[in-house]
Amino acid sequence: MALTVDYRETIANRIKSDPEFARALLDEAASMMFNGEAEAARLLMRDLTHGLVGFEGLAKATGTPSKSLHRMLSKDGNPGMNALSEIFQQLTQATLHAPAVVHVVPAPTDDLMVA
């Protein structure tokens, strides 16, 4: 029997552990929205919500019931501009406040330096 993990869980875990990935998804969601790909943008925003703040956290931050947010960010959702703006604002804040990942490259040692 093969062990499988729901892709939504995999994406949410990656968003939680990789702030750069979360920022790239948020950027892509905004680009998709501006280019008329609203359905795909909503689904990306749903994934970001799962990984960053959760629907209950987003509900508390926006003052919109979580069930309404689920509907808005579904495939057939139709959020108004004010609601969409609030959602983007909260996701942006959560993304920007995610801990930064720093990659450190060791300094060359003296024996590798050419005089």
C-alpha atoms as a PDB file:
ATOM      1  CA  MET A   1       0.000   0.000   0.000  1.00  0.00           C
ATOM      2  CA  ALA A   2       1.467   3.350  -1.062  1.00  0.00           C
ATOM      3  CA  LEU A   3       1.625   6.171   1.415  1.00  0.00           C
ATOM      4  CA  THR A   4       0.371   9.435   0.023  1.00  0.00           C
ATOM      5  CA  VAL A   5       0.053  12.946   1.357  1.00  0.00           C
ATOM      6  CA  ASP A   6      -2.596  15.384   0.183  1.00  0.00           C
ATOM      7  CA  TYR A   7      -0.952  17.955  -2.084  1.00  0.00           C
ATOM      8  CA  ARG A   8      -2.603  20.784  -0.118  1.00  0.00           C
ATOM      9  CA  GLU A   9      -0.797  19.636   2.996  1.00  0.00           C
ATOM     10  CA  THR A  10       2.498  19.471   1.103  1.00  0.00           C
ATOM     11  CA  ILE A  11       2.011  23.005  -0.277  1.00  0.00           C
ATOM     12  CA  ALA A  12       0.979  24.367   3.156  1.00  0.00           C
ATOM     13  CA  ASN A  13       4.065  22.835   4.769  1.00  0.00           C
ATOM     14  CA  ARG A  14       6.314  24.311   2.080  1.00  0.00           C
ATOM     15  CA  ILE A  15       4.718  27.741   2.546  1.00  0.00           C
ATOM     16  CA  LYS A  16       5.289  27.508   6.306  1.00  0.00           C
ATOM     17  CA  SER A  17       8.919  26.456   5.953  1.00  0.00           C
ATOM     18  CA  ASP A  18      10.011  28.510   2.932  1.00  0.00           C
ATOM     19  CA  PRO A  19       9.168  32.245   3.064  1.00  0.00           C
ATOM     20  CA  GLU A  20      10.708  32.792  -0.373  1.00  0.00           C
ATOM     21  CA  PHE A  21       8.291  30.225  -1.829  1.00  0.00           C
ATOM     22  CA  ALA A  22       5.375  31.954  -0.069  1.00  0.00           C
ATOM     23  CA  ARG A  23       6.407  35.332  -1.500  1.00  0.00           C
ATOM     24  CA  ALA A  24       6.693  33.826  -4.993  1.00  0.00           C
ATOM     25  CA  LEU A  25       3.188  32.344  -4.708  1.00  0.00           C
ATOM     26  CA  LEU A  26       1.753  35.666  -3.522  1.00  0.00           C
ATOM     27  CA  ASP A  27       3.456  37.452  -6.426  1.00  0.00           C
ATOM     28  CA  GLU A  28       2.079  34.855  -8.838  1.00  0.00           C
ATOM     29  CA  ALA A  29      -1.434  35.211  -7.396  1.00  0.00           C
ATOM     30  CA  ALA A  30      -1.300  38.985  -7.913  1.00  0.00           C
ATOM     31  CA  SER A  31       0.008  38.573 -11.474  1.00  0.00           C
ATOM     32  CA  MET A  32      -2.717  36.057 -12.273  1.00  0.00           C
ATOM     33  CA  MET A  33      -5.393  38.377 -10.900  1.00  0.00           C
ATOM     34  CA  PHE A  34      -4.112  41.284 -13.013  1.00  0.00           C
ATOM     35  CA  ASN A  35      -3.979  39.062 -16.104  1.00  0.00           C
ATOM     36  CA  GLY A  36      -7.572  37.872 -15.841  1.00  0.00           C
ATOM     37  CA  GLU A  37      -6.852  34.463 -14.324  1.00  0.00           C
ATOM     38  CA  ALA A  38      -9.041  35.042 -11.284  1.00  0.00           C
ATOM     39  CA  GLU A  39      -9.855  31.379 -10.623  1.00  0.00           C
ATOM     40  CA  ALA A  40      -6.195  30.336 -10.449  1.00  0.00           C
ATOM     41  CA  ALA A  41      -5.369  33.401  -8.328  1.00  0.00           C
ATOM     42  CA  ARG A  42      -8.106  32.523  -5.814  1.00  0.00           C
ATOM     43  CA  LEU A  43      -6.835  28.953  -5.550  1.00  0.00           C
ATOM     44  CA  LEU A  44      -3.280  30.161  -4.915  1.00  0.00           C
ATOM     45  CA  MET A  45      -4.608  32.563  -2.288  1.00  0.00           C
ATOM     46  CA  ARG A  46      -6.438  29.651  -0.684  1.00  0.00           C
ATOM     47  CA  ASP A  47      -3.177  27.676  -0.509  1.00  0.00           C
ATOM     48  CA  LEU A  48      -1.391  30.696   0.962  1.00  0.00           C
ATOM     49  CA  THR A  49      -4.135  31.091   3.551  1.00  0.00           C
ATOM     50  CA  HIS A  50      -3.751  27.454   4.606  1.00  0.00           C
ATOM     51  CA  GLY A  51       0.021  27.790   4.917  1.00  0.00           C
ATOM     52  CA  LEU A  52       0.329  31.254   6.451  1.00  0.00           C
ATOM     53  CA  VAL A  53      -2.562  32.163   8.726  1.00  0.00           C
ATOM     54  CA  GLY A  54      -5.318  29.554   8.374  1.00  0.00           C
ATOM     55  CA  PHE A  55      -8.895  30.422   7.576  1.00  0.00           C
ATOM     56  CA  GLU A  56      -9.762  31.130  11.215  1.00  0.00           C
ATOM     57  CA  GLY A  57      -6.812  33.529  11.488  1.00  0.00           C
ATOM     58  CA  LEU A  58      -7.773  35.250   8.244  1.00  0.00           C
ATOM     59  CA  ALA A  59     -11.381  35.473   9.438  1.00  0.00           C
ATOM     60  CA  LYS A  60     -10.286  37.168  12.640  1.00  0.00           C
ATOM     61  CA  ALA A  61      -7.976  39.581  10.790  1.00  0.00           C
ATOM     62  CA  THR A  62     -10.527  40.554   8.128  1.00  0.00           C
ATOM     63  CA  GLY A  63     -13.730  40.380  10.139  1.00  0.00           C
ATOM     64  CA  THR A  64     -15.184  38.020   7.535  1.00  0.00           C
ATOM     65  CA  PRO A  65     -16.562  34.631   8.622  1.00  0.00           C
ATOM     66  CA  SER A  66     -14.251  31.749   7.745  1.00  0.00           C
ATOM     67  CA  LYS A  67     -17.020  29.941   5.852  1.00  0.00           C
ATOM     68  CA  SER A  68     -17.403  33.010   3.623  1.00  0.00           C
ATOM     69  CA  LEU A  69     -13.658  33.119   3.051  1.00  0.00           C
ATOM     70  CA  HIS A  70     -13.693  29.450   2.042  1.00  0.00           C
ATOM     71  CA  ARG A  71     -16.404  30.232  -0.517  1.00  0.00           C
ATOM     72  CA  MET A  72     -14.607  33.340  -1.791  1.00  0.00           C
ATOM     73  CA  LEU A  73     -11.348  31.471  -2.343  1.00  0.00           C
ATOM     74  CA  SER A  74     -12.939  28.440  -3.952  1.00  0.00           C
ATOM     75  CA  LYS A  75     -12.825  27.577  -7.644  1.00  0.00           C
ATOM     76  CA  ASP A  76     -16.178  29.265  -8.229  1.00  0.00           C
ATOM     77  CA  GLY A  77     -15.744  32.015  -5.621  1.00  0.00           C
ATOM     78  CA  ASN A  78     -16.656  35.594  -6.381  1.00  0.00           C
ATOM     79  CA  PRO A  79     -15.179  37.905  -3.739  1.00  0.00           C
ATOM     80  CA  GLY A  80     -15.915  41.608  -3.950  1.00  0.00           C
ATOM     81  CA  MET A  81     -13.058  44.069  -4.404  1.00  0.00           C
ATOM     82  CA  ASN A  82     -13.089  45.140  -0.748  1.00  0.00           C
ATOM     83  CA  ALA A  83     -12.925  41.547   0.480  1.00  0.00           C
ATOM     84  CA  LEU A  84     -10.237  40.673  -2.056  1.00  0.00           C
ATOM     85  CA  SER A  85      -8.203  43.693  -1.027  1.00  0.00           C
ATOM     86  CA  GLU A  86      -8.451  42.702   2.660  1.00  0.00           C
ATOM     87  CA  ILE A  87      -7.390  39.145   1.882  1.00  0.00           C
ATOM     88  CA  PHE A  88      -4.395  40.317  -0.185  1.00  0.00           C
ATOM     89  CA  GLN A  89      -3.424  42.751   2.570  1.00  0.00           C
ATOM     90  CA  GLN A  90      -3.464  40.049   5.253  1.00  0.00           C
ATOM     91  CA  LEU A  91      -1.593  37.533   3.095  1.00  0.00           C
ATOM     92  CA  THR A  92       0.997  40.165   2.205  1.00  0.00           C
ATOM     93  CA  GLN A  93       1.537  41.038   5.868  1.00  0.00           C
ATOM     94  CA  ALA A  94       1.846  37.367   6.798  1.00  0.00           C
ATOM     95  CA  THR A  95       4.271  36.748   3.946  1.00  0.00           C
ATOM     96  CA  LEU A  96       6.442  39.761   4.720  1.00  0.00           C
ATOM     97  CA  HIS A  97       6.603  38.886   8.407  1.00  0.00           C
ATOM     98  CA  ALA A  98       7.612  35.278   7.769  1.00  0.00           C
ATOM     99  CA  PRO A  99      11.099  34.515   9.059  1.00  0.00           C
ATOM    100  CA  ALA A 100      13.765  35.017   6.423  1.00  0.00           C
ATOM    101  CA  VAL A 101      15.878  32.093   5.347  1.00  0.00           C
ATOM    102  CA  VAL A 102      19.550  33.009   5.170  1.00  0.00           C
ATOM    103  CA  HIS A 103      21.999  30.894   3.222  1.00  0.00           C
ATOM    104  CA  VAL A 104      25.541  31.184   4.572  1.00  0.00           C
ATOM    105  CA  VAL A 105      28.500  30.312   2.385  1.00  0.00           C
ATOM    106  CA  PRO A 106      31.650  29.518   4.351  1.00  0.00           C
ATOM    107  CA  ALA A 107      34.544  31.922   3.839  1.00  0.00           C
ATOM    108  CA  PRO A 108      37.537  30.481   1.963  1.00  0.00           C
ATOM    109  CA  THR A 109      40.301  29.187   4.185  1.00  0.00           C
ATOM    110  CA  ASP A 110      43.804  30.614   4.059  1.00  0.00           C
ATOM    111  CA  ASP A 111      45.298  27.510   2.444  1.00  0.00           C
ATOM    112  CA  LEU A 112      42.989  27.959  -0.557  1.00  0.00           C
ATOM    113  CA  MET A 113      43.917  31.612  -1.075  1.00  0.00           C
ATOM    114  CA  VAL A 114      46.582  32.413  -3.640  1.00  0.00           C
ATOM    115  CA  ALA A 115      49.117  35.026  -2.553  1.00  0.00           C
END
